[in-house]
Amino acid sequence: MTEEPNAQIRILLVEDHLLTRIGLKTVIERIPSFKVVAEAENGEEAIAKADETQPDVILMDVGMPVMDGIEASRRIKEKNKHVEIVMLTSHDNERDIFASLAAGAGGYCLKDVDPDRLYSAIRSVNAGDIWLDSTIAGKVLRQYSSADATQRPETAEAARSHSPTTKLPQLPEQLSPRELEVLAQVVEGLSNQEIADKLFISLATAKTHVRNILNKLAVDDRTQAAVSAMRRGLV
């Protein structure tokens, strides 16, 4: 969902540690446009709360009892495709990163993140963009930049969706130099507005470039575009 002026972003907070959850809620609700509409302490409860409250964004822990955040994200996205998910976790290993992306998460954020960057992550995924912590982005780039990489995503879904050794067909229509510039910013997790500001173009132009990129790469969203770009060596 795109944030409208004065509209609140409705957030479901999923975290199994009570004190951490209380702290996160306090930090999040400092921002008037954010509202925590529900909380859950495990993945199974998160699915039920997502169905009940229909949040805009879910902040999802990875390691939890009963059901982990990755499986919960996959099930939530199957039923509620409009709900955006940011993984908020202390886990920075490749397995969890790629499994989370494969499950439909649009953001991956470490728990020691600065509050302002957490706010940026929430706004970015709510707008349909991707957001990766800089440390995580580096791991993703390294994974897909090496054709001889020996470390593979260990989750079956992630391996099928993201294997770096998969040979992709040639694009029917090549990206223009400007589109490649925009694509590089998409991979970095920048929002449309941030891309516009960085490249000194209008927001409407940035949106047009992103839409054309998705069409040329034959993907549905920015996360898939970033993965496709890295697998093809476009960035």
C-alpha atoms as a PDB file:
ATOM      1  CA  MET A   1       0.000   0.000   0.000  1.00  0.00           C
ATOM      2  CA  THR A   2       1.291   3.467  -0.842  1.00  0.00           C
ATOM      3  CA  GLU A   3       1.331   5.908   2.058  1.00  0.00           C
ATOM      4  CA  GLU A   4      -1.117   8.777   1.527  1.00  0.00           C
ATOM      5  CA  PRO A   5      -0.703  12.152   3.202  1.00  0.00           C
ATOM      6  CA  ASN A   6      -1.815  11.915   6.861  1.00  0.00           C
ATOM      7  CA  ALA A   7      -2.601   8.199   6.418  1.00  0.00           C
ATOM      8  CA  GLN A   8      -1.347   5.769   9.032  1.00  0.00           C
ATOM      9  CA  ILE A   9       0.685   2.705   8.150  1.00  0.00           C
ATOM     10  CA  ARG A  10      -0.903  -0.146  10.086  1.00  0.00           C
ATOM     11  CA  ILE A  11       1.726  -2.493  11.501  1.00  0.00           C
ATOM     12  CA  LEU A  12       1.600  -6.020  12.905  1.00  0.00           C
ATOM     13  CA  LEU A  13       4.527  -6.618  15.262  1.00  0.00           C
ATOM     14  CA  VAL A  14       5.695 -10.244  15.498  1.00  0.00           C
ATOM     15  CA  GLU A  15       8.348 -10.911  18.158  1.00  0.00           C
ATOM     16  CA  ASP A  16       8.541 -13.662  20.758  1.00  0.00           C
ATOM     17  CA  HIS A  17      10.432 -11.685  23.423  1.00  0.00           C
ATOM     18  CA  LEU A  18       8.033  -9.458  25.353  1.00  0.00           C
ATOM     19  CA  LEU A  19      10.522  -6.773  26.379  1.00  0.00           C
ATOM     20  CA  THR A  20      11.866  -6.489  22.837  1.00  0.00           C
ATOM     21  CA  ARG A  21       8.314  -6.230  21.521  1.00  0.00           C
ATOM     22  CA  ILE A  22       7.470  -3.479  24.002  1.00  0.00           C
ATOM     23  CA  GLY A  23      10.606  -1.564  23.039  1.00  0.00           C
ATOM     24  CA  LEU A  24       9.901  -1.884  19.322  1.00  0.00           C
ATOM     25  CA  LYS A  25       6.317  -0.731  19.760  1.00  0.00           C
ATOM     26  CA  THR A  26       7.492   2.324  21.698  1.00  0.00           C
ATOM     27  CA  VAL A  27      10.026   3.218  18.990  1.00  0.00           C
ATOM     28  CA  ILE A  28       7.566   2.653  16.148  1.00  0.00           C
ATOM     29  CA  GLU A  29       4.740   4.671  17.642  1.00  0.00           C
ATOM     30  CA  ARG A  30       6.934   7.740  18.042  1.00  0.00           C
ATOM     31  CA  ILE A  31       5.977   8.357  14.424  1.00  0.00           C
ATOM     32  CA  PRO A  32       2.382   9.655  14.112  1.00  0.00           C
ATOM     33  CA  SER A  33       1.901   7.940  10.739  1.00  0.00           C
ATOM     34  CA  PHE A  34       2.712   4.502  12.236  1.00  0.00           C
ATOM     35  CA  LYS A  35       0.250   2.488  14.295  1.00  0.00           C
ATOM     36  CA  VAL A  36       0.796  -0.978  15.778  1.00  0.00           C
ATOM     37  CA  VAL A  37      -2.601  -2.601  15.279  1.00  0.00           C
ATOM     38  CA  ALA A  38      -1.702  -6.031  16.655  1.00  0.00           C
ATOM     39  CA  GLU A  39       1.097  -8.093  18.172  1.00  0.00           C
ATOM     40  CA  ALA A  40       2.018 -11.762  17.949  1.00  0.00           C
ATOM     41  CA  GLU A  41       4.639 -13.883  19.667  1.00  0.00           C
ATOM     42  CA  ASN A  42       5.020 -16.706  17.132  1.00  0.00           C
ATOM     43  CA  GLY A  43       4.461 -17.415  13.441  1.00  0.00           C
ATOM     44  CA  GLU A  44       1.210 -19.289  13.909  1.00  0.00           C
ATOM     45  CA  GLU A  45      -0.305 -16.412  15.845  1.00  0.00           C
ATOM     46  CA  ALA A  46       1.041 -13.990  13.227  1.00  0.00           C
ATOM     47  CA  ILE A  47      -0.954 -15.724  10.482  1.00  0.00           C
ATOM     48  CA  ALA A  48      -4.161 -15.426  12.488  1.00  0.00           C
ATOM     49  CA  LYS A  49      -3.517 -11.777  13.376  1.00  0.00           C
ATOM     50  CA  ALA A  50      -2.688 -10.930   9.754  1.00  0.00           C
ATOM     51  CA  ASP A  51      -6.007 -12.412   8.617  1.00  0.00           C
ATOM     52  CA  GLU A  52      -7.873 -10.609  11.392  1.00  0.00           C
ATOM     53  CA  THR A  53      -6.344  -7.130  11.176  1.00  0.00           C
ATOM     54  CA  GLN A  54      -5.146  -6.919   7.528  1.00  0.00           C
ATOM     55  CA  PRO A  55      -2.084  -4.774   8.351  1.00  0.00           C
ATOM     56  CA  ASP A  56      -0.142  -2.801   5.762  1.00  0.00           C
ATOM     57  CA  VAL A  57       3.260  -3.955   7.039  1.00  0.00           C
ATOM     58  CA  ILE A  58       4.386  -6.818   9.256  1.00  0.00           C
ATOM     59  CA  LEU A  59       7.626  -6.600  11.234  1.00  0.00           C
ATOM     60  CA  MET A  60       8.520 -10.281  11.489  1.00  0.00           C
ATOM     61  CA  ASP A  61      11.125 -11.965  13.666  1.00  0.00           C
ATOM     62  CA  VAL A  62      12.848 -14.983  12.096  1.00  0.00           C
ATOM     63  CA  GLY A  63      13.533 -17.338  14.995  1.00  0.00           C
ATOM     64  CA  MET A  64      10.393 -18.005  17.016  1.00  0.00           C
ATOM     65  CA  PRO A  65       8.706 -20.958  18.738  1.00  0.00           C
ATOM     66  CA  VAL A  66       5.761 -22.887  17.250  1.00  0.00           C
ATOM     67  CA  MET A  67       6.431 -21.556  13.711  1.00  0.00           C
ATOM     68  CA  ASP A  68       9.357 -19.476  12.487  1.00  0.00           C
ATOM     69  CA  GLY A  69       8.964 -16.148  10.703  1.00  0.00           C
ATOM     70  CA  ILE A  70      10.017 -17.477   7.300  1.00  0.00           C
ATOM     71  CA  GLU A  71       7.279 -20.107   7.128  1.00  0.00           C
ATOM     72  CA  ALA A  72       4.765 -17.647   8.570  1.00  0.00           C
ATOM     73  CA  SER A  73       5.712 -15.082   5.902  1.00  0.00           C
ATOM     74  CA  ARG A  74       5.243 -17.618   3.125  1.00  0.00           C
ATOM     75  CA  ARG A  75       1.758 -18.558   4.368  1.00  0.00           C
ATOM     76  CA  ILE A  76       0.714 -14.950   4.946  1.00  0.00           C
ATOM     77  CA  LYS A  77       1.786 -13.881   1.438  1.00  0.00           C
ATOM     78  CA  GLU A  78      -0.121 -16.794  -0.099  1.00  0.00           C
ATOM     79  CA  LYS A  79      -3.361 -15.498   1.437  1.00  0.00           C
ATOM     80  CA  ASN A  80      -2.697 -11.757   1.668  1.00  0.00           C
ATOM     81  CA  LYS A  81      -0.512 -10.672  -1.236  1.00  0.00           C
ATOM     82  CA  HIS A  82      -1.041  -6.991  -0.444  1.00  0.00           C
ATOM     83  CA  VAL A  83       0.535  -7.305   3.009  1.00  0.00           C
ATOM     84  CA  GLU A  84       4.199  -6.265   3.028  1.00  0.00           C
ATOM     85  CA  ILE A  85       6.746  -7.920   5.312  1.00  0.00           C
ATOM     86  CA  VAL A  86       9.987  -6.700   6.843  1.00  0.00           C
ATOM     87  CA  MET A  87      12.085  -9.353   8.540  1.00  0.00           C
ATOM     88  CA  LEU A  88      13.455  -7.770  11.726  1.00  0.00           C
ATOM     89  CA  THR A  89      16.032 -10.137  13.142  1.00  0.00           C
ATOM     90  CA  SER A  90      19.479 -10.702  14.591  1.00  0.00           C
ATOM     91  CA  HIS A  91      20.098 -13.443  11.992  1.00  0.00           C
ATOM     92  CA  ASP A  92      22.377 -12.384   9.144  1.00  0.00           C
ATOM     93  CA  ASN A  93      23.247 -15.772   7.623  1.00  0.00           C
ATOM     94  CA  GLU A  94      22.700 -16.410   3.922  1.00  0.00           C
ATOM     95  CA  ARG A  95      20.207 -19.212   4.477  1.00  0.00           C
ATOM     96  CA  ASP A  96      17.748 -17.027   6.385  1.00  0.00           C
ATOM     97  CA  ILE A  97      18.249 -14.044   4.065  1.00  0.00           C
ATOM     98  CA  PHE A  98      17.489 -15.925   0.854  1.00  0.00           C
ATOM     99  CA  ALA A  99      14.742 -18.033   2.404  1.00  0.00           C
ATOM    100  CA  SER A 100      13.058 -14.842   3.622  1.00  0.00           C
ATOM    101  CA  LEU A 101      13.214 -13.243   0.171  1.00  0.00           C
ATOM    102  CA  ALA A 102      11.877 -16.445  -1.377  1.00  0.00           C
ATOM    103  CA  ALA A 103       9.007 -16.409   1.137  1.00  0.00           C
ATOM    104  CA  GLY A 104       7.955 -12.954  -0.054  1.00  0.00           C
ATOM    105  CA  ALA A 105       9.590 -10.566   2.407  1.00  0.00           C
ATOM    106  CA  GLY A 106      10.242  -7.145   0.909  1.00  0.00           C
ATOM    107  CA  GLY A 107      12.703  -6.055   3.575  1.00  0.00           C
ATOM    108  CA  TYR A 108      15.412  -7.564   5.767  1.00  0.00           C
ATOM    109  CA  CYS A 109      16.505  -5.483   8.719  1.00  0.00           C
ATOM    110  CA  LEU A 110      18.836  -6.285  11.632  1.00  0.00           C
ATOM    111  CA  LYS A 111      17.597  -5.588  15.159  1.00  0.00           C
ATOM    112  CA  ASP A 112      20.464  -3.236  15.960  1.00  0.00           C
ATOM    113  CA  VAL A 113      19.265  -0.889  13.204  1.00  0.00           C
ATOM    114  CA  ASP A 114      19.046   2.828  13.911  1.00  0.00           C
ATOM    115  CA  PRO A 115      15.390   3.871  14.457  1.00  0.00           C
ATOM    116  CA  ASP A 116      15.449   6.252  11.497  1.00  0.00           C
ATOM    117  CA  ARG A 117      16.533   3.431   9.190  1.00  0.00           C
ATOM    118  CA  LEU A 118      13.797   1.203  10.611  1.00  0.00           C
ATOM    119  CA  TYR A 119      11.276   3.927   9.783  1.00  0.00           C
ATOM    120  CA  SER A 120      12.737   4.092   6.263  1.00  0.00           C
ATOM    121  CA  ALA A 121      12.402   0.324   5.897  1.00  0.00           C
ATOM    122  CA  ILE A 122       8.744   0.426   6.920  1.00  0.00           C
ATOM    123  CA  ARG A 123       7.929   3.271   4.549  1.00  0.00           C
ATOM    124  CA  SER A 124       9.867   1.686   1.668  1.00  0.00           C
ATOM    125  CA  VAL A 125       8.178  -1.715   1.777  1.00  0.00           C
ATOM    126  CA  ASN A 126       4.792  -0.070   2.323  1.00  0.00           C
ATOM    127  CA  ALA A 127       5.377   1.798  -0.939  1.00  0.00           C
ATOM    128  CA  GLY A 128       6.155  -1.477  -2.726  1.00  0.00           C
ATOM    129  CA  ASP A 129       9.927  -1.027  -2.698  1.00  0.00           C
ATOM    130  CA  ILE A 130      12.573  -3.363  -1.323  1.00  0.00           C
ATOM    131  CA  TRP A 131      14.750  -2.507   1.659  1.00  0.00           C
ATOM    132  CA  LEU A 132      17.852  -4.404   2.720  1.00  0.00           C
ATOM    133  CA  ASP A 133      20.174  -3.566   5.570  1.00  0.00           C
ATOM    134  CA  SER A 134      23.520  -2.547   4.055  1.00  0.00           C
ATOM    135  CA  THR A 135      25.224  -5.604   5.562  1.00  0.00           C
ATOM    136  CA  ILE A 136      22.542  -7.844   4.104  1.00  0.00           C
ATOM    137  CA  ALA A 137      22.708  -6.144   0.704  1.00  0.00           C
ATOM    138  CA  GLY A 138      26.429  -6.888   0.607  1.00  0.00           C
ATOM    139  CA  LYS A 139      25.805 -10.575   1.227  1.00  0.00           C
ATOM    140  CA  VAL A 140      23.160 -10.681  -1.508  1.00  0.00           C
ATOM    141  CA  LEU A 141      25.445  -8.961  -4.010  1.00  0.00           C
ATOM    142  CA  ARG A 142      28.340 -11.320  -3.238  1.00  0.00           C
ATOM    143  CA  GLN A 143      26.073 -14.341  -3.587  1.00  0.00           C
ATOM    144  CA  TYR A 144      24.953 -13.419  -7.083  1.00  0.00           C
ATOM    145  CA  SER A 145      28.083 -11.755  -8.420  1.00  0.00           C
ATOM    146  CA  SER A 146      30.168 -14.923  -8.429  1.00  0.00           C
ATOM    147  CA  ALA A 147      29.366 -17.619 -10.961  1.00  0.00           C
ATOM    148  CA  ASP A 148      31.676 -19.968  -9.068  1.00  0.00           C
ATOM    149  CA  ALA A 149      30.041 -19.402  -5.672  1.00  0.00           C
ATOM    150  CA  THR A 150      30.049 -22.561  -3.616  1.00  0.00           C
ATOM    151  CA  GLN A 151      27.604 -21.403  -0.964  1.00  0.00           C
ATOM    152  CA  ARG A 152      23.998 -21.968  -2.066  1.00  0.00           C
ATOM    153  CA  PRO A 153      20.737 -21.040  -0.361  1.00  0.00           C
ATOM    154  CA  GLU A 154      19.836 -24.107   1.676  1.00  0.00           C
ATOM    155  CA  THR A 155      16.075 -23.729   1.552  1.00  0.00           C
ATOM    156  CA  ALA A 156      14.516 -25.638  -1.357  1.00  0.00           C
ATOM    157  CA  GLU A 157      12.283 -22.755  -2.412  1.00  0.00           C
ATOM    158  CA  ALA A 158      15.171 -20.309  -2.278  1.00  0.00           C
ATOM    159  CA  ALA A 159      17.409 -22.626  -4.240  1.00  0.00           C
ATOM    160  CA  ARG A 160      14.839 -23.048  -7.007  1.00  0.00           C
ATOM    161  CA  SER A 161      14.074 -19.346  -7.162  1.00  0.00           C
ATOM    162  CA  HIS A 162      17.533 -17.877  -6.711  1.00  0.00           C
ATOM    163  CA  SER A 163      20.202 -20.354  -7.840  1.00  0.00           C
ATOM    164  CA  PRO A 164      23.094 -18.230  -9.196  1.00  0.00           C
ATOM    165  CA  THR A 165      24.109 -20.934 -11.635  1.00  0.00           C
ATOM    166  CA  THR A 166      20.784 -21.012 -13.454  1.00  0.00           C
ATOM    167  CA  LYS A 167      21.288 -19.828 -17.049  1.00  0.00           C
ATOM    168  CA  LEU A 168      18.667 -17.237 -17.905  1.00  0.00           C
ATOM    169  CA  PRO A 169      17.384 -16.605 -21.433  1.00  0.00           C
ATOM    170  CA  GLN A 170      18.480 -13.418 -23.146  1.00  0.00           C
ATOM    171  CA  LEU A 171      16.208 -10.456 -22.591  1.00  0.00           C
ATOM    172  CA  PRO A 172      13.934  -9.778 -25.589  1.00  0.00           C
ATOM    173  CA  GLU A 173      14.474  -6.058 -25.050  1.00  0.00           C
ATOM    174  CA  GLN A 174      17.670  -4.718 -23.508  1.00  0.00           C
ATOM    175  CA  LEU A 175      17.618  -2.113 -20.761  1.00  0.00           C
ATOM    176  CA  SER A 176      18.681   1.407 -21.686  1.00  0.00           C
ATOM    177  CA  PRO A 177      21.687   3.025 -19.941  1.00  0.00           C
ATOM    178  CA  ARG A 178      19.309   5.124 -17.832  1.00  0.00           C
ATOM    179  CA  GLU A 179      17.254   2.059 -16.891  1.00  0.00           C
ATOM    180  CA  LEU A 180      20.457   0.301 -15.818  1.00  0.00           C
ATOM    181  CA  GLU A 181      21.224   3.298 -13.592  1.00  0.00           C
ATOM    182  CA  VAL A 182      17.775   3.069 -12.050  1.00  0.00           C
ATOM    183  CA  LEU A 183      18.078  -0.708 -11.683  1.00  0.00           C
ATOM    184  CA  ALA A 184      21.306  -0.298  -9.721  1.00  0.00           C
ATOM    185  CA  GLN A 185      19.430   1.930  -7.262  1.00  0.00           C
ATOM    186  CA  VAL A 186      16.603  -0.613  -7.017  1.00  0.00           C
ATOM    187  CA  VAL A 187      19.165  -3.265  -6.059  1.00  0.00           C
ATOM    188  CA  GLU A 188      20.462  -0.917  -3.363  1.00  0.00           C
ATOM    189  CA  GLY A 189      16.936  -0.755  -1.942  1.00  0.00           C
ATOM    190  CA  LEU A 190      16.187   2.882  -2.757  1.00  0.00           C
ATOM    191  CA  SER A 191      12.573   4.018  -2.988  1.00  0.00           C
ATOM    192  CA  ASN A 192      11.208   5.693  -6.113  1.00  0.00           C
ATOM    193  CA  GLN A 193      11.537   9.097  -4.459  1.00  0.00           C
ATOM    194  CA  GLU A 194      15.121   8.397  -3.394  1.00  0.00           C
ATOM    195  CA  ILE A 195      15.964   7.275  -6.938  1.00  0.00           C
ATOM    196  CA  ALA A 196      14.439  10.447  -8.326  1.00  0.00           C
ATOM    197  CA  ASP A 197      16.444  12.590  -5.920  1.00  0.00           C
ATOM    198  CA  LYS A 198      19.715  10.765  -6.538  1.00  0.00           C
ATOM    199  CA  LEU A 199      19.443  10.789 -10.338  1.00  0.00           C
ATOM    200  CA  PHE A 200      17.937  14.301 -10.524  1.00  0.00           C
ATOM    201  CA  ILE A 201      14.756  13.151 -12.263  1.00  0.00           C
ATOM    202  CA  SER A 202      11.102  13.574 -11.399  1.00  0.00           C
ATOM    203  CA  LEU A 203       9.234  11.037  -9.283  1.00  0.00           C
ATOM    204  CA  ALA A 204       6.951  10.275 -12.252  1.00  0.00           C
ATOM    205  CA  THR A 205       9.982   9.556 -14.445  1.00  0.00           C
ATOM    206  CA  ALA A 206      11.490   7.296 -11.796  1.00  0.00           C
ATOM    207  CA  LYS A 207       8.227   5.347 -11.549  1.00  0.00           C
ATOM    208  CA  THR A 208       8.105   4.994 -15.337  1.00  0.00           C
ATOM    209  CA  HIS A 209      11.665   3.663 -15.454  1.00  0.00           C
ATOM    210  CA  VAL A 210      10.934   1.145 -12.689  1.00  0.00           C
ATOM    211  CA  ARG A 211       7.773  -0.022 -14.455  1.00  0.00           C
ATOM    212  CA  ASN A 212       9.669  -0.447 -17.731  1.00  0.00           C
ATOM    213  CA  ILE A 213      12.413  -2.375 -15.942  1.00  0.00           C
ATOM    214  CA  LEU A 214       9.895  -4.789 -14.422  1.00  0.00           C
ATOM    215  CA  ASN A 215       8.337  -5.325 -17.839  1.00  0.00           C
ATOM    216  CA  LYS A 216      11.658  -5.933 -19.593  1.00  0.00           C
ATOM    217  CA  LEU A 217      12.867  -8.324 -16.901  1.00  0.00           C
ATOM    218  CA  ALA A 218       9.450 -10.059 -16.911  1.00  0.00           C
ATOM    219  CA  VAL A 219       9.148  -9.878 -13.121  1.00  0.00           C
ATOM    220  CA  ASP A 220       6.300  -8.843 -10.834  1.00  0.00           C
ATOM    221  CA  ASP A 221       8.032  -6.738  -8.203  1.00  0.00           C
ATOM    222  CA  ARG A 222      11.214  -4.951  -7.212  1.00  0.00           C
ATOM    223  CA  THR A 223      12.577  -7.842  -5.155  1.00  0.00           C
ATOM    224  CA  GLN A 224      12.401 -10.133  -8.182  1.00  0.00           C
ATOM    225  CA  ALA A 225      13.932  -7.384 -10.341  1.00  0.00           C
ATOM    226  CA  ALA A 226      16.891  -7.065  -7.966  1.00  0.00           C
ATOM    227  CA  VAL A 227      17.454 -10.805  -7.902  1.00  0.00           C
ATOM    228  CA  SER A 228      17.135 -11.077 -11.701  1.00  0.00           C
ATOM    229  CA  ALA A 229      19.558  -8.189 -12.170  1.00  0.00           C
ATOM    230  CA  MET A 230      22.185  -9.820 -10.005  1.00  0.00           C
ATOM    231  CA  ARG A 231      21.746 -13.236 -11.608  1.00  0.00           C
ATOM    232  CA  ARG A 232      22.150 -11.677 -15.061  1.00  0.00           C
ATOM    233  CA  GLY A 233      25.168  -9.632 -14.006  1.00  0.00           C
ATOM    234  CA  LEU A 234      23.421  -6.345 -14.851  1.00  0.00           C
ATOM    235  CA  VAL A 235      24.703  -4.668 -11.686  1.00  0.00           C
END
